[in-house]
Each structure stands twice: as structure tokens, then as C-alpha cells.
Amino acid sequence: MPGSRKLYEDRAKEERNADGWHYADELAIRGPALVRAADHLSRRADAEHSAHTTRARAALARSASGIRGTPPASPPAPPAPGAPVPHRSR
């Protein structure tokens, strides 16, 4: 029918806006609590990052103080299981 598309579009916009107002109202009511939670979590993350950085620096300092000259070469990695073993030809 002519004009039915416009009716459906208008109804869809009304429903969308009603949902939007509902969530805006919820955010207005619970917004301060969300801000406090975000502040708490960001401070905790900063503290954990700081502690991790401190431990990493201490580990680097310990490992750097024990090195004299060049470190020994690491042994070669073992071949992967099932990998073909190279043979010499005569």
C-alpha cells in the first residue's frame, strides 16, 4: 500500500527513541556509580602496572649485574619430532 513504508519507518524511529530514552535515564541514575567504579579500576590498573614495572627493573638489574663478558652460546634446538634427519651422500 502507498505510504505504508513511511508508517513502518516512523514506528521504528519511535521504538528506537524510546529505547534510547530508557538507557539515557538509566545512565543518569547510575552514572555516578559508574564513574566511581571506573576511577577505582583505573587506579588499581595503574598500581598493578607500577608494581610490574618495578619488578621488571629489579630483575633486569639483577641479571645485568651477574653478566661478565659475553654470555655463553645457547645449545642448538633439538629437531622437531617427525622431522627428517639429514644424511650425507657419498
N, C-alpha and C. Protein backbone atom coordinates (compact mmCIF):
# COMPACT_ATOMS: atom_id res chain seq x y z
N MET A 1 0.83 -1.18 0.00
CA MET A 1 0.00 0.00 0.00
C MET A 1 0.88 1.25 0.00
N PRO A 2 0.46 2.26 -0.70
CA PRO A 2 1.23 3.50 -0.70
C PRO A 2 1.27 4.12 0.70
N GLY A 3 2.43 4.56 1.09
CA GLY A 3 2.59 5.21 2.40
C GLY A 3 2.85 4.26 3.56
N SER A 4 2.77 2.95 3.33
CA SER A 4 2.96 2.01 4.44
C SER A 4 4.43 1.99 4.89
N ARG A 5 5.34 2.17 3.93
CA ARG A 5 6.76 2.20 4.29
C ARG A 5 7.04 3.34 5.26
N LYS A 6 6.45 4.49 5.00
CA LYS A 6 6.62 5.65 5.87
C LYS A 6 6.09 5.35 7.27
N LEU A 7 4.96 4.68 7.37
CA LEU A 7 4.40 4.32 8.66
C LEU A 7 5.34 3.39 9.44
N TYR A 8 5.91 2.38 8.74
CA TYR A 8 6.85 1.47 9.39
C TYR A 8 8.11 2.20 9.85
N GLU A 9 8.62 3.11 9.01
CA GLU A 9 9.81 3.87 9.38
C GLU A 9 9.54 4.74 10.60
N ASP A 10 8.39 5.39 10.62
CA ASP A 10 8.05 6.24 11.77
C ASP A 10 7.93 5.41 13.05
N ARG A 11 7.29 4.27 12.94
CA ARG A 11 7.13 3.39 14.12
C ARG A 11 8.50 2.88 14.60
N ALA A 12 9.38 2.54 13.67
CA ALA A 12 10.71 2.06 14.04
C ALA A 12 11.49 3.17 14.75
N LYS A 13 11.38 4.41 14.27
CA LYS A 13 12.06 5.53 14.92
C LYS A 13 11.52 5.76 16.33
N GLU A 14 10.22 5.64 16.50
CA GLU A 14 9.62 5.81 17.83
C GLU A 14 10.14 4.76 18.81
N GLU A 15 10.23 3.52 18.37
CA GLU A 15 10.72 2.45 19.23
C GLU A 15 12.21 2.66 19.55
N ARG A 16 12.97 3.05 18.53
CA ARG A 16 14.39 3.31 18.76
C ARG A 16 14.57 4.43 19.78
N ASN A 17 13.83 5.51 19.63
CA ASN A 17 13.96 6.64 20.53
C ASN A 17 13.51 6.27 21.94
N ALA A 18 12.46 5.45 22.05
CA ALA A 18 12.00 5.02 23.37
C ALA A 18 13.09 4.22 24.07
N ASP A 19 13.77 3.33 23.34
CA ASP A 19 14.88 2.58 23.92
C ASP A 19 16.00 3.52 24.34
N GLY A 20 16.29 4.48 23.49
CA GLY A 20 17.36 5.44 23.81
C GLY A 20 17.07 6.22 25.07
N TRP A 21 15.82 6.67 25.24
CA TRP A 21 15.47 7.42 26.45
C TRP A 21 15.56 6.54 27.68
N HIS A 22 15.19 5.28 27.54
CA HIS A 22 15.29 4.36 28.67
C HIS A 22 16.74 4.25 29.14
N TYR A 23 17.66 4.02 28.20
CA TYR A 23 19.07 3.86 28.56
C TYR A 23 19.68 5.17 29.05
N ALA A 24 19.24 6.29 28.49
CA ALA A 24 19.72 7.59 28.97
C ALA A 24 19.29 7.81 30.41
N ASP A 25 18.06 7.43 30.74
CA ASP A 25 17.56 7.56 32.10
C ASP A 25 18.36 6.68 33.06
N GLU A 26 18.62 5.43 32.65
CA GLU A 26 19.42 4.52 33.48
C GLU A 26 20.82 5.08 33.72
N LEU A 27 21.42 5.64 32.69
CA LEU A 27 22.76 6.21 32.81
C LEU A 27 22.75 7.41 33.75
N ALA A 28 21.71 8.23 33.67
CA ALA A 28 21.61 9.38 34.56
C ALA A 28 21.50 8.95 36.02
N ILE A 29 20.77 7.87 36.25
CA ILE A 29 20.61 7.39 37.63
C ILE A 29 21.88 6.73 38.13
N ARG A 30 22.49 5.89 37.29
CA ARG A 30 23.64 5.09 37.73
C ARG A 30 24.98 5.68 37.30
N GLY A 31 24.98 6.81 36.66
CA GLY A 31 26.22 7.42 36.16
C GLY A 31 27.26 7.65 37.23
N PRO A 32 26.91 8.26 38.37
CA PRO A 32 27.93 8.49 39.40
C PRO A 32 28.58 7.21 39.90
N ALA A 33 27.81 6.14 40.03
CA ALA A 33 28.39 4.87 40.46
C ALA A 33 29.35 4.33 39.40
N LEU A 34 29.00 4.50 38.13
CA LEU A 34 29.89 4.05 37.06
C LEU A 34 31.20 4.84 37.07
N VAL A 35 31.11 6.13 37.34
CA VAL A 35 32.32 6.96 37.40
C VAL A 35 33.21 6.51 38.55
N ARG A 36 32.61 6.24 39.72
CA ARG A 36 33.41 5.77 40.86
C ARG A 36 34.05 4.42 40.55
N ALA A 37 33.32 3.53 39.92
CA ALA A 37 33.89 2.21 39.57
C ALA A 37 35.03 2.36 38.58
N ALA A 38 34.86 3.21 37.59
CA ALA A 38 35.91 3.42 36.60
C ALA A 38 37.15 4.02 37.26
N ASP A 39 36.97 4.95 38.17
CA ASP A 39 38.10 5.56 38.88
C ASP A 39 38.84 4.51 39.70
N HIS A 40 38.09 3.68 40.40
CA HIS A 40 38.70 2.62 41.22
C HIS A 40 39.50 1.66 40.34
N LEU A 41 38.90 1.23 39.23
CA LEU A 41 39.58 0.26 38.36
C LEU A 41 40.82 0.87 37.70
N SER A 42 40.75 2.12 37.32
CA SER A 42 41.92 2.73 36.68
C SER A 42 43.05 2.91 37.68
N ARG A 43 42.73 3.24 38.93
CA ARG A 43 43.78 3.35 39.96
C ARG A 43 44.40 1.98 40.23
N ARG A 44 43.58 0.95 40.28
CA ARG A 44 44.09 -0.39 40.52
C ARG A 44 44.99 -0.84 39.37
N ALA A 45 44.58 -0.55 38.14
CA ALA A 45 45.40 -0.92 36.98
C ALA A 45 46.73 -0.18 37.00
N ASP A 46 46.71 1.11 37.38
CA ASP A 46 47.96 1.88 37.48
C ASP A 46 48.89 1.28 38.52
N ALA A 47 48.33 0.87 39.67
CA ALA A 47 49.14 0.28 40.74
C ALA A 47 49.74 -1.05 40.28
N GLU A 48 48.95 -1.88 39.59
CA GLU A 48 49.47 -3.16 39.11
C GLU A 48 50.56 -2.94 38.06
N HIS A 49 50.37 -1.97 37.19
CA HIS A 49 51.38 -1.67 36.17
C HIS A 49 52.66 -1.17 36.83
N SER A 50 52.52 -0.33 37.85
CA SER A 50 53.68 0.19 38.56
C SER A 50 54.46 -0.93 39.24
N ALA A 51 53.74 -1.85 39.89
CA ALA A 51 54.40 -2.97 40.57
C ALA A 51 55.11 -3.87 39.55
N HIS A 52 54.48 -4.10 38.41
CA HIS A 52 55.08 -4.93 37.37
C HIS A 52 56.35 -4.27 36.85
N THR A 53 56.31 -2.97 36.62
CA THR A 53 57.47 -2.24 36.12
C THR A 53 58.61 -2.30 37.13
N THR A 54 58.29 -2.15 38.40
CA THR A 54 59.31 -2.20 39.44
C THR A 54 59.96 -3.58 39.49
N ARG A 55 59.16 -4.63 39.41
CA ARG A 55 59.72 -6.00 39.43
C ARG A 55 60.58 -6.25 38.20
N ALA A 56 60.15 -5.76 37.06
CA ALA A 56 60.92 -5.96 35.82
C ALA A 56 62.26 -5.24 35.90
N ARG A 57 62.26 -4.03 36.42
CA ARG A 57 63.52 -3.28 36.56
C ARG A 57 64.47 -3.98 37.53
N ALA A 58 63.92 -4.49 38.62
CA ALA A 58 64.76 -5.20 39.58
C ALA A 58 65.35 -6.46 38.96
N ALA A 59 64.57 -7.19 38.20
CA ALA A 59 65.07 -8.40 37.54
C ALA A 59 66.15 -8.06 36.53
N LEU A 60 65.94 -7.00 35.77
CA LEU A 60 66.98 -6.59 34.81
C LEU A 60 68.26 -6.18 35.52
N ALA A 61 68.12 -5.48 36.63
CA ALA A 61 69.31 -5.06 37.38
C ALA A 61 70.06 -6.28 37.91
N ARG A 62 69.31 -7.27 38.44
CA ARG A 62 69.97 -8.48 38.95
C ARG A 62 70.67 -9.24 37.83
N SER A 63 70.01 -9.38 36.70
CA SER A 63 70.61 -10.17 35.61
C SER A 63 71.77 -9.41 34.98
N ALA A 64 71.71 -8.11 34.91
CA ALA A 64 72.80 -7.33 34.32
C ALA A 64 74.02 -7.33 35.22
N SER A 65 73.83 -7.38 36.54
CA SER A 65 74.98 -7.35 37.45
C SER A 65 75.75 -8.66 37.43
N GLY A 66 75.13 -9.77 37.05
CA GLY A 66 75.80 -11.07 37.04
C GLY A 66 76.51 -11.38 35.74
N ILE A 67 76.35 -10.56 34.72
CA ILE A 67 76.96 -10.84 33.41
C ILE A 67 78.38 -10.28 33.38
N ARG A 68 79.33 -11.13 33.02
CA ARG A 68 80.72 -10.69 32.85
C ARG A 68 81.14 -11.12 31.45
N GLY A 69 81.39 -10.20 30.60
CA GLY A 69 81.77 -10.53 29.23
C GLY A 69 80.54 -10.93 28.43
N THR A 70 80.74 -11.79 27.46
CA THR A 70 79.61 -12.22 26.64
C THR A 70 78.98 -13.46 27.23
N PRO A 71 77.69 -13.58 27.15
CA PRO A 71 77.03 -14.77 27.69
C PRO A 71 77.37 -15.99 26.83
N PRO A 72 77.37 -17.19 27.42
CA PRO A 72 77.66 -18.40 26.64
C PRO A 72 76.57 -18.62 25.59
N ALA A 73 76.98 -19.23 24.49
CA ALA A 73 76.02 -19.51 23.42
C ALA A 73 75.05 -20.58 23.89
N SER A 74 73.81 -20.43 23.49
CA SER A 74 72.81 -21.42 23.88
C SER A 74 72.97 -22.65 22.99
N PRO A 75 72.65 -23.83 23.50
CA PRO A 75 72.78 -25.05 22.70
C PRO A 75 71.75 -25.02 21.57
N PRO A 76 72.06 -25.73 20.46
CA PRO A 76 71.11 -25.75 19.35
C PRO A 76 69.81 -26.45 19.75
N ALA A 77 68.75 -26.02 19.15
CA ALA A 77 67.44 -26.60 19.44
C ALA A 77 67.37 -28.02 18.89
N PRO A 78 66.73 -28.94 19.61
CA PRO A 78 66.60 -30.31 19.10
C PRO A 78 65.67 -30.31 17.89
N PRO A 79 65.84 -31.28 16.98
CA PRO A 79 64.97 -31.33 15.80
C PRO A 79 63.52 -31.61 16.20
N ALA A 80 62.63 -31.12 15.40
CA ALA A 80 61.20 -31.34 15.67
C ALA A 80 60.88 -32.81 15.52
N PRO A 81 59.95 -33.32 16.34
CA PRO A 81 59.59 -34.74 16.21
C PRO A 81 58.99 -35.01 14.83
N GLY A 82 59.43 -36.09 14.24
CA GLY A 82 58.93 -36.48 12.93
C GLY A 82 59.65 -35.78 11.79
N ALA A 83 60.59 -34.91 12.10
CA ALA A 83 61.32 -34.20 11.03
C ALA A 83 62.34 -35.16 10.43
N PRO A 84 62.57 -35.08 9.13
CA PRO A 84 63.56 -35.98 8.52
C PRO A 84 64.97 -35.64 8.99
N VAL A 85 65.76 -36.66 9.24
CA VAL A 85 67.12 -36.49 9.68
C VAL A 85 68.01 -36.33 8.45
N PRO A 86 68.82 -35.27 8.38
CA PRO A 86 69.66 -35.10 7.18
C PRO A 86 70.74 -36.18 7.12
N HIS A 87 70.98 -36.71 5.92
CA HIS A 87 72.01 -37.75 5.70
C HIS A 87 73.06 -37.20 4.75
N ARG A 88 74.28 -37.70 4.90
CA ARG A 88 75.33 -37.32 3.97
C ARG A 88 75.32 -38.26 2.78
N SER A 89 75.59 -37.70 1.66
CA SER A 89 75.73 -38.58 0.49
C SER A 89 77.21 -38.85 0.26
N ARG A 90 77.52 -39.99 -0.30
CA ARG A 90 78.93 -40.32 -0.51
C ARG A 90 79.38 -39.99 -1.85
